Amino acid sequence: MSASTMNLLPITLRLTTLAALLALPLVTLPASRAAAQSATETAPPAEDEAQDQEIARKALENKEILPLSAVLAKVEGKVPGDIVEIELERKKGQWIYEIEVIGEDGRVSDVDVDARTGAVINVAPDE
């Protein structure tokens, strides 16, 4: 190796490492998000999020769902732990809050809650 090649090696290695780190979030996208987007969709993620927020706002205005604060008050009394993730999904015509909770024992549970009533539908270990 020449002296100039040896000087470029650390830079090349750093750039390769940086490229790998930047690509990591693309590889680890949640499968549900990737599956939800069809091949013909071209809207950037920011537009998708804005659309999701608008749908949730309309559902709240139409009293199809409870405010998140009301749902969380009901869940906290039934499923102890720290809430780390919340998603609002439409399944079989029913709005469901999917809530991920880390219990005091460190185990993660997935809690499905009827978004209209606040009733806990299911509590299952996270897989």
Protein backbone atom coordinates (compact mmCIF):
# COMPACT_ATOMS: atom_id res chain seq x y z
CA MET A 1 0.00 0.00 0.00
CA SER A 2 1.23 3.45 -0.80
CA ALA A 3 1.27 6.24 1.77
CA SER A 4 -1.66 7.99 0.07
CA THR A 5 -3.76 4.80 0.13
CA MET A 6 -3.04 4.32 3.83
CA ASN A 7 -4.18 7.87 4.57
CA LEU A 8 -7.47 7.32 2.71
CA LEU A 9 -8.27 4.04 4.43
CA PRO A 10 -9.55 5.53 7.72
CA ILE A 11 -11.67 8.09 5.83
CA THR A 12 -13.16 5.39 3.61
CA LEU A 13 -13.86 3.22 6.64
CA ARG A 14 -15.53 6.12 8.46
CA LEU A 15 -17.68 6.95 5.41
CA THR A 16 -18.69 3.31 5.03
CA THR A 17 -19.60 3.13 8.72
CA LEU A 18 -21.55 6.39 8.46
CA ALA A 19 -23.44 5.13 5.40
CA ALA A 20 -24.31 1.91 7.23
CA LEU A 21 -25.57 3.86 10.26
CA LEU A 22 -27.67 6.15 8.09
CA ALA A 23 -29.23 3.17 6.31
CA LEU A 24 -30.07 1.38 9.58
CA PRO A 25 -33.40 3.17 10.18
CA LEU A 26 -34.53 2.18 6.69
CA VAL A 27 -33.88 -1.46 7.47
CA THR A 28 -35.63 -1.33 10.83
CA LEU A 29 -38.89 0.33 9.72
CA PRO A 30 -41.82 -1.33 11.44
CA ALA A 31 -43.30 -4.01 9.25
CA SER A 32 -46.82 -2.68 9.78
CA ARG A 33 -45.88 0.74 8.38
CA ALA A 34 -44.13 -0.76 5.38
CA ALA A 35 -47.02 -3.15 4.73
CA ALA A 36 -49.55 -0.34 4.96
CA GLN A 37 -47.95 1.55 2.10
CA SER A 38 -48.69 0.20 -1.34
CA ALA A 39 -46.22 0.31 -4.17
CA THR A 40 -48.22 3.06 -5.87
CA GLU A 41 -48.16 5.47 -2.93
CA THR A 42 -45.80 8.38 -3.41
CA ALA A 43 -46.75 10.64 -0.48
CA PRO A 44 -43.83 11.48 1.79
CA PRO A 45 -44.09 10.34 5.44
CA ALA A 46 -44.87 13.87 6.68
CA GLU A 47 -48.00 13.93 4.52
CA ASP A 48 -49.02 10.48 5.78
CA GLU A 49 -48.65 11.65 9.38
CA ALA A 50 -50.67 14.79 8.69
CA GLN A 51 -53.39 12.68 7.08
CA ASP A 52 -53.36 10.26 10.05
CA GLN A 53 -53.71 13.18 12.45
CA GLU A 54 -56.63 14.58 10.47
CA ILE A 55 -58.40 11.20 10.49
CA ALA A 56 -57.91 10.89 14.26
CA ARG A 57 -59.11 14.47 14.82
CA LYS A 58 -62.29 13.81 12.82
CA ALA A 59 -62.91 10.56 14.70
CA LEU A 60 -62.61 12.46 17.98
CA GLU A 61 -64.93 15.25 16.78
CA ASN A 62 -67.49 12.66 15.64
CA LYS A 63 -67.26 10.97 19.06
CA GLU A 64 -66.03 7.75 17.44
CA ILE A 65 -63.08 7.71 19.86
CA LEU A 66 -62.42 9.00 23.37
CA PRO A 67 -59.67 11.53 23.98
CA LEU A 68 -56.37 9.81 24.65
CA SER A 69 -56.22 11.29 28.17
CA ALA A 70 -59.50 9.56 29.09
CA VAL A 71 -58.32 6.24 27.69
CA LEU A 72 -54.97 6.45 29.48
CA ALA A 73 -56.70 7.15 32.80
CA LYS A 74 -58.68 3.92 32.39
CA VAL A 75 -55.70 1.85 31.27
CA GLU A 76 -53.33 3.03 34.00
CA GLY A 77 -55.66 1.64 36.67
CA LYS A 78 -55.85 -1.77 34.99
CA VAL A 79 -52.38 -2.26 33.52
CA PRO A 80 -49.61 -0.93 35.77
CA GLY A 81 -46.35 0.23 34.21
CA ASP A 82 -44.89 2.87 31.95
CA ILE A 83 -46.53 3.56 28.60
CA VAL A 84 -43.88 3.70 25.89
CA GLU A 85 -45.89 3.66 22.65
CA ILE A 86 -49.43 4.36 21.48
CA GLU A 87 -51.00 3.78 18.09
CA LEU A 88 -54.55 4.36 16.90
CA GLU A 89 -55.65 1.71 14.41
CA ARG A 90 -58.86 0.83 12.63
CA LYS A 91 -59.50 -2.94 12.77
CA LYS A 92 -62.62 -4.57 11.38
CA GLY A 93 -64.47 -1.25 11.57
CA GLN A 94 -63.50 -0.65 15.21
CA TRP A 95 -61.06 2.00 16.46
CA ILE A 96 -58.40 0.45 18.69
CA TYR A 97 -55.70 2.14 20.74
CA GLU A 98 -52.68 -0.16 20.74
CA ILE A 99 -50.65 0.69 23.84
CA GLU A 100 -47.24 -0.73 24.71
CA VAL A 101 -46.53 -0.86 28.45
CA ILE A 102 -43.35 -1.78 30.30
CA GLY A 103 -44.31 -3.33 33.62
CA GLU A 104 -42.45 -2.98 36.90
CA ASP A 105 -40.88 -6.38 36.19
CA GLY A 106 -39.41 -5.02 32.94
CA ARG A 107 -41.66 -7.06 30.70
CA VAL A 108 -43.39 -5.38 27.78
CA SER A 109 -47.12 -5.90 27.22
CA ASP A 110 -49.32 -4.96 24.30
CA VAL A 111 -52.65 -3.58 25.46
CA ASP A 112 -55.55 -3.24 23.02
CA VAL A 113 -58.20 -0.74 24.09
CA ASP A 114 -61.57 0.02 22.50
CA ALA A 115 -61.04 3.65 21.50
CA ARG A 116 -64.76 4.44 21.71
CA THR A 117 -65.37 3.11 25.24
CA GLY A 118 -61.92 2.89 26.81
CA ALA A 119 -62.48 -0.77 27.66
CA VAL A 120 -59.36 -2.95 27.74
CA ILE A 121 -59.91 -5.63 25.11
CA ASN A 122 -56.70 -7.61 25.40
CA VAL A 123 -53.40 -7.64 27.31
CA ALA A 124 -50.68 -9.83 25.85
CA PRO A 125 -46.91 -10.15 26.20
CA ASP A 126 -45.09 -8.24 23.46
CA GLU A 127 -43.67 -10.55 20.81
